[in-house]
Amino acid sequence: QVQLVESGGGLVQAGGSLRLSCAASGITLRHYNMGWYRQAPGKSRVYVGSISSGGKTDYADRSVKGRFTISRDTAKNAVYLQMNSLNPEDTAVYYCNAILRYSDYWGQGTQVTVSS
């Protein structure tokens, strides 16, 4: 059974940092393209960034580039989203996603709330 479990969310003041983790069981993450997404209240889920199976990172747009960093620890079978200089617009539920060909897995999400 495949499970992706996000953790590390919480309440932080504007300007603060959080590191989200996505731990996997049942799959080997380094074989997958791993994405981070977020869903703000009342809005659709949107792409934040990703790390490919080859280790290449990509970020959605200027709103996160330079503030967010995605990394991977193959020994721990986990990926991370380091978020710095957080602002209230970053408030959302953050999800990790694993894709390999026709396999597509999602975690349950972790809440990030940034207070002004």
Protein backbone atom coordinates (compact mmCIF):
# COMPACT_ATOMS: atom_id res chain seq x y z
CA GLN A 1 0.00 0.00 0.00
CA VAL A 2 1.36 3.36 -1.03
CA GLN A 3 1.29 6.23 1.44
CA LEU A 4 2.57 9.77 1.24
CA VAL A 5 2.54 11.57 4.56
CA GLU A 6 3.17 15.28 4.79
CA SER A 7 4.27 16.92 8.01
CA GLY A 8 5.85 20.11 9.26
CA GLY A 9 2.98 22.50 8.78
CA GLY A 10 1.78 24.89 11.43
CA LEU A 11 1.25 28.49 12.38
CA VAL A 12 4.08 30.93 11.70
CA GLN A 13 4.40 34.70 11.65
CA ALA A 14 5.03 36.55 8.44
CA GLY A 15 8.71 36.46 7.59
CA GLY A 16 9.19 33.11 9.25
CA SER A 17 10.16 29.74 7.84
CA LEU A 18 8.84 26.21 7.77
CA ARG A 19 10.13 22.98 6.33
CA LEU A 20 7.56 20.53 5.09
CA SER A 21 8.34 16.86 4.74
CA CYS A 22 6.77 14.21 2.57
CA ALA A 23 7.62 10.69 3.62
CA ALA A 24 6.73 7.76 1.44
CA SER A 25 6.02 4.11 2.05
CA GLY A 26 5.31 1.52 -0.59
CA ILE A 27 7.24 3.35 -3.29
CA THR A 28 10.77 4.56 -3.85
CA LEU A 29 10.56 8.31 -4.28
CA ARG A 30 13.76 8.71 -6.26
CA HIS A 31 12.05 6.92 -9.15
CA TYR A 32 9.18 9.40 -9.16
CA ASN A 33 8.66 12.97 -10.19
CA MET A 34 7.67 14.61 -6.92
CA GLY A 35 5.53 17.71 -6.80
CA TRP A 36 4.34 20.10 -4.13
CA TYR A 37 0.94 21.76 -4.48
CA ARG A 38 -1.09 24.04 -2.29
CA GLN A 39 -4.73 24.89 -1.89
CA ALA A 40 -5.77 28.11 -0.25
CA PRO A 41 -9.24 28.47 1.29
CA GLY A 42 -11.88 28.75 -1.42
CA LYS A 43 -9.36 28.28 -4.22
CA SER A 44 -8.20 25.48 -6.47
CA ARG A 45 -5.14 23.41 -5.81
CA VAL A 46 -2.11 24.91 -7.57
CA TYR A 47 1.35 23.78 -8.40
CA VAL A 48 4.19 25.05 -6.22
CA GLY A 49 7.19 23.17 -7.52
CA SER A 50 8.72 19.79 -8.17
CA ILE A 51 11.82 17.66 -8.21
CA SER A 52 12.24 15.18 -11.00
CA SER A 53 13.49 11.64 -10.65
CA GLY A 54 16.78 12.99 -11.99
CA GLY A 55 16.95 15.59 -9.25
CA LYS A 56 16.06 18.66 -11.29
CA THR A 57 13.92 21.20 -9.47
CA ASP A 58 11.28 23.48 -10.88
CA TYR A 59 9.25 26.21 -9.25
CA ALA A 60 5.90 27.62 -10.20
CA ASP A 61 6.48 31.32 -10.48
CA ARG A 62 8.00 34.40 -8.97
CA SER A 63 5.78 34.08 -5.93
CA VAL A 64 7.84 31.16 -4.65
CA LYS A 65 11.12 31.28 -6.56
CA GLY A 66 13.92 32.37 -4.30
CA ARG A 67 11.85 31.68 -1.18
CA PHE A 68 10.99 27.99 -1.53
CA THR A 69 13.45 25.15 -2.04
CA ILE A 70 12.63 21.54 -2.82
CA SER A 71 15.06 18.79 -1.91
CA ARG A 72 15.14 15.06 -1.59
CA ASP A 73 16.73 12.55 0.77
CA THR A 74 16.86 9.19 -0.95
CA ALA A 75 18.09 7.44 2.19
CA LYS A 76 15.02 8.60 4.09
CA ASN A 77 12.74 8.20 1.07
CA ALA A 78 11.45 11.70 1.60
CA VAL A 79 11.19 15.05 -0.12
CA TYR A 80 11.14 18.44 1.50
CA LEU A 81 9.81 21.90 0.89
CA GLN A 82 11.81 24.58 2.67
CA MET A 83 9.77 27.77 2.82
CA ASN A 84 11.37 31.06 3.83
CA SER A 85 10.11 34.62 4.07
CA LEU A 86 6.57 33.38 4.42
CA ASN A 87 3.70 35.78 3.97
CA PRO A 88 -0.05 35.46 4.59
CA GLU A 89 -0.63 34.65 0.90
CA ASP A 90 1.25 31.39 1.49
CA THR A 91 -1.50 30.19 3.82
CA ALA A 92 -2.84 26.94 2.39
CA VAL A 93 -2.95 23.20 2.73
CA TYR A 94 0.21 21.82 1.15
CA TYR A 95 0.20 18.48 -0.62
CA CYS A 96 2.89 16.31 -2.06
CA ASN A 97 2.37 14.27 -5.19
CA ALA A 98 4.28 11.37 -6.73
CA ILE A 99 3.97 10.57 -10.43
CA LEU A 100 5.52 7.80 -12.45
CA ARG A 101 3.92 6.92 -15.77
CA TYR A 102 0.33 5.95 -14.86
CA SER A 103 0.88 5.97 -11.10
CA ASP A 104 -0.26 9.11 -9.33
CA TYR A 105 -0.27 9.38 -5.54
CA TRP A 106 -1.23 12.17 -3.17
CA GLY A 107 -0.69 12.81 0.49
CA GLN A 108 -3.38 14.02 2.85
CA GLY A 109 -1.92 17.51 3.12
CA THR A 110 -0.53 19.65 5.89
CA GLN A 111 -1.89 23.05 6.92
CA VAL A 112 0.35 26.09 6.78
CA THR A 113 -0.99 29.30 8.29
CA VAL A 114 0.97 32.52 8.12
CA SER A 115 -0.16 35.34 10.36
CA SER A 116 0.46 38.98 9.55
